[in-house]
C-alpha atoms as a PDB file:
ATOM      1  CA  MET A   1      94.424 284.234 192.862  1.00  0.00           C
ATOM      2  CA  ASP A   2      98.284 283.786 191.421  1.00  0.00           C
ATOM      3  CA  LEU A   3      99.648 281.020 191.036  1.00  0.00           C
ATOM      4  CA  GLU A   4     101.689 280.022 193.973  1.00  0.00           C
ATOM      5  CA  ALA A   5      98.973 280.953 196.380  1.00  0.00           C
ATOM      6  CA  PHE A   6      96.703 278.458 194.585  1.00  0.00           C
ATOM      7  CA  TYR A   7      99.164 275.900 194.575  1.00  0.00           C
ATOM      8  CA  GLU A   8      99.884 276.510 198.594  1.00  0.00           C
ATOM      9  CA  ALA A   9      96.449 276.415 199.243  1.00  0.00           C
ATOM     10  CA  ASN A  10      96.887 272.511 198.970  1.00  0.00           C
ATOM     11  CA  GLU A  11      99.832 270.870 198.543  1.00  0.00           C
ATOM     12  CA  ALA A  12      97.826 268.009 196.811  1.00  0.00           C
ATOM     13  CA  ARG A  13      97.910 270.148 193.956  1.00  0.00           C
ATOM     14  CA  ARG A  14     101.721 270.427 193.397  1.00  0.00           C
ATOM     15  CA  THR A  15     102.209 266.937 193.662  1.00  0.00           C
ATOM     16  CA  SER A  16      99.553 265.794 191.394  1.00  0.00           C
ATOM     17  CA  GLU A  17      99.347 264.846 187.899  1.00  0.00           C
ATOM     18  CA  GLU A  18      97.267 267.640 185.745  1.00  0.00           C
ATOM     19  CA  VAL A  19      95.820 266.881 181.984  1.00  0.00           C
ATOM     20  CA  GLU A  20      95.818 270.244 180.150  1.00  0.00           C
ATOM     21  CA  PHE A  21      92.954 270.649 177.641  1.00  0.00           C
ATOM     22  CA  GLY A  22      94.305 273.408 175.558  1.00  0.00           C
ATOM     23  CA  ASP A  23      95.755 276.674 176.009  1.00  0.00           C
ATOM     24  CA  SER A  24      94.245 279.132 174.029  1.00  0.00           C
ATOM     25  CA  TRP A  25      90.638 279.049 175.252  1.00  0.00           C
ATOM     26  CA  THR A  26      89.718 282.488 174.938  1.00  0.00           C
ATOM     27  CA  THR A  27      87.111 285.510 175.384  1.00  0.00           C
ATOM     28  CA  ALA A  28      84.605 286.856 172.999  1.00  0.00           C
ATOM     29  CA  HIS A  29      87.430 290.088 173.507  1.00  0.00           C
ATOM     30  CA  GLY A  30      90.867 287.704 172.419  1.00  0.00           C
ATOM     31  CA  HIS A  31      92.038 287.274 176.689  1.00  0.00           C
ATOM     32  CA  ALA A  32      93.861 283.665 176.076  1.00  0.00           C
ATOM     33  CA  PHE A  33      93.542 280.745 179.081  1.00  0.00           C
ATOM     34  CA  GLN A  34      94.942 277.891 179.361  1.00  0.00           C
ATOM     35  CA  LEU A  35      92.675 275.051 180.664  1.00  0.00           C
ATOM     36  CA  SER A  36      93.752 272.179 183.241  1.00  0.00           C
ATOM     37  CA  TRP A  37      92.403 268.980 185.301  1.00  0.00           C
ATOM     38  CA  ILE A  38      94.279 268.160 189.237  1.00  0.00           C
ATOM     39  CA  ALA A  39      93.562 264.385 189.337  1.00  0.00           C
ATOM     40  CA  ALA A  40      93.698 264.376 192.836  1.00  0.00           C
ATOM     41  CA  THR A  41      91.803 267.178 193.439  1.00  0.00           C
ATOM     42  CA  GLY A  42      89.792 266.631 190.491  1.00  0.00           C
ATOM     43  CA  GLU A  43      89.687 270.627 190.189  1.00  0.00           C
ATOM     44  CA  LEU A  44      89.376 271.960 186.696  1.00  0.00           C
ATOM     45  CA  TYR A  45      91.122 275.392 186.225  1.00  0.00           C
ATOM     46  CA  LEU A  46      92.104 278.103 184.241  1.00  0.00           C
ATOM     47  CA  MET A  47      95.159 279.959 184.089  1.00  0.00           C
ATOM     48  CA  ALA A  48      95.890 283.558 182.449  1.00  0.00           C
ATOM     49  CA  ASP A  49      98.208 283.011 179.392  1.00  0.00           C
ATOM     50  CA  ASP A  50      98.224 286.817 180.140  1.00  0.00           C
ATOM     51  CA  PRO A  51      99.000 287.680 184.245  1.00  0.00           C
ATOM     52  CA  ASN A  52      97.318 291.012 183.511  1.00  0.00           C
ATOM     53  CA  SER A  53      94.347 289.721 181.790  1.00  0.00           C
ATOM     54  CA  PRO A  54      90.956 289.514 183.637  1.00  0.00           C
ATOM     55  CA  SER A  55      90.008 286.656 185.046  1.00  0.00           C
ATOM     56  CA  VAL A  56      86.316 284.765 183.982  1.00  0.00           C
ATOM     57  CA  ASP A  57      84.102 282.863 186.411  1.00  0.00           C
ATOM     58  CA  ILE A  58      82.145 280.009 185.281  1.00  0.00           C
ATOM     59  CA  PHE A  59      79.558 282.188 183.848  1.00  0.00           C
ATOM     60  CA  GLY A  60      81.725 283.618 181.431  1.00  0.00           C
ATOM     61  CA  ASP A  61      81.978 286.916 182.531  1.00  0.00           C
ATOM     62  CA  ILE A  62      84.982 288.702 183.103  1.00  0.00           C
ATOM     63  CA  VAL A  63      86.158 290.137 186.379  1.00  0.00           C
ATOM     64  CA  PRO A  64      88.621 292.051 185.787  1.00  0.00           C
ATOM     65  CA  THR A  65      92.211 292.300 187.457  1.00  0.00           C
ATOM     66  CA  PRO A  66      92.604 294.606 190.618  1.00  0.00           C
ATOM     67  CA  GLU A  67      96.092 295.450 190.165  1.00  0.00           C
ATOM     68  CA  ALA A  68      98.986 294.301 187.587  1.00  0.00           C
ATOM     69  CA  THR A  69     100.674 291.127 188.621  1.00  0.00           C
ATOM     70  CA  SER A  70     103.763 289.335 188.007  1.00  0.00           C
ATOM     71  CA  GLU A  71     102.297 285.987 188.705  1.00  0.00           C
ATOM     72  CA  LEU A  72     100.060 283.714 186.339  1.00  0.00           C
ATOM     73  CA  THR A  73      96.157 284.021 187.608  1.00  0.00           C
ATOM     74  CA  VAL A  74      94.314 280.547 187.909  1.00  0.00           C
ATOM     75  CA  THR A  75      90.100 280.304 188.103  1.00  0.00           C
ATOM     76  CA  VAL A  76      88.723 277.447 189.758  1.00  0.00           C
ATOM     77  CA  LEU A  77      85.791 276.510 187.644  1.00  0.00           C
ATOM     78  CA  GLY A  78      84.369 273.512 189.471  1.00  0.00           C
ATOM     79  CA  THR A  79      85.643 270.037 190.376  1.00  0.00           C
ATOM     80  CA  VAL A  80      85.203 266.573 188.502  1.00  0.00           C
ATOM     81  CA  ALA A  81      85.566 263.667 190.038  1.00  0.00           C
ATOM     82  CA  THR A  82      87.479 261.950 187.424  1.00  0.00           C
ATOM     83  CA  LEU A  83      89.196 262.296 184.422  1.00  0.00           C
ATOM     84  CA  GLU A  84      86.435 260.084 182.109  1.00  0.00           C
ATOM     85  CA  GLU A  85      83.531 261.902 183.071  1.00  0.00           C
ATOM     86  CA  LEU A  86      85.351 265.220 182.387  1.00  0.00           C
ATOM     87  CA  HIS A  87      86.831 263.025 178.658  1.00  0.00           C
ATOM     88  CA  GLY A  88      82.744 262.772 178.170  1.00  0.00           C
ATOM     89  CA  ILE A  89      81.743 266.514 179.697  1.00  0.00           C
ATOM     90  CA  LEU A  90      84.522 268.592 177.437  1.00  0.00           C
ATOM     91  CA  ASP A  91      83.439 265.594 174.270  1.00  0.00           C
ATOM     92  CA  GLY A  92      84.516 268.019 171.028  1.00  0.00           C
ATOM     93  CA  TRP A  93      86.747 270.536 173.149  1.00  0.00           C
ATOM     94  CA  ALA A  94      89.863 270.816 170.476  1.00  0.00           C
ATOM     95  CA  ASP A  95      87.176 271.317 167.532  1.00  0.00           C
ATOM     96  CA  ALA A  96      85.704 274.404 170.278  1.00  0.00           C
ATOM     97  CA  LEU A  97      89.306 275.922 171.497  1.00  0.00           C
ATOM     98  CA  ASP A  98      89.692 277.039 167.697  1.00  0.00           C
ATOM     99  CA  ALA A  99      86.873 278.853 167.382  1.00  0.00           C
ATOM    100  CA  PRO A 100      86.210 282.765 168.346  1.00  0.00           C
ATOM    101  CA  GLY A 101      85.105 283.206 172.376  1.00  0.00           C
ATOM    102  CA  SER A 102      85.347 279.161 172.716  1.00  0.00           C
ATOM    103  CA  LEU A 103      85.272 280.085 176.351  1.00  0.00           C
ATOM    104  CA  SER A 104      81.219 280.895 175.932  1.00  0.00           C
ATOM    105  CA  TRP A 105      81.634 277.166 174.906  1.00  0.00           C
ATOM    106  CA  LEU A 106      83.585 275.416 177.784  1.00  0.00           C
ATOM    107  CA  THR A 107      81.176 277.287 180.068  1.00  0.00           C
ATOM    108  CA  ALA A 108      78.266 276.230 179.013  1.00  0.00           C
ATOM    109  CA  ARG A 109      78.790 272.851 178.577  1.00  0.00           C
ATOM    110  CA  LEU A 110      80.280 272.930 182.364  1.00  0.00           C
ATOM    111  CA  ALA A 111      77.185 274.393 183.427  1.00  0.00           C
ATOM    112  CA  ALA A 112      74.902 272.450 181.422  1.00  0.00           C
ATOM    113  CA  ARG A 113      76.600 269.337 182.855  1.00  0.00           C
ATOM    114  CA  GLY A 114      76.211 270.626 186.611  1.00  0.00           C
ATOM    115  CA  VAL A 115      79.940 271.575 187.302  1.00  0.00           C
ATOM    116  CA  THR A 116      79.838 274.702 189.417  1.00  0.00           C
ATOM    117  CA  SER A 117      81.759 277.094 190.405  1.00  0.00           C
ATOM    118  CA  GLN A 118      83.394 276.647 194.173  1.00  0.00           C
ATOM    119  CA  LYS A 119      83.262 280.474 195.149  1.00  0.00           C
END
């Protein structure tokens, strides 16, 4: 979904504190994403840096964008109740971020800790 629709769907998202975990998570094909966590909802989400980039699901599969859009796209990866828990799950993320295809590291970490997509 686009960023505006994401915030409109739940006003708590718009007013909540957000914590960013890097803005250059990449797929094997070099598409870049920003990873953020919303305190009020516990949602961990990816936002495409390029509005025409494909989305990525929790397993790291690339889902093509059906049409070009002028809005940034958002994919919710799952929920994590607390920032402390998320720090435990993402321990080492800053080092992993620099590796090519770093999104694979992220999705493997989330899956191993039972963080699942909200599809």
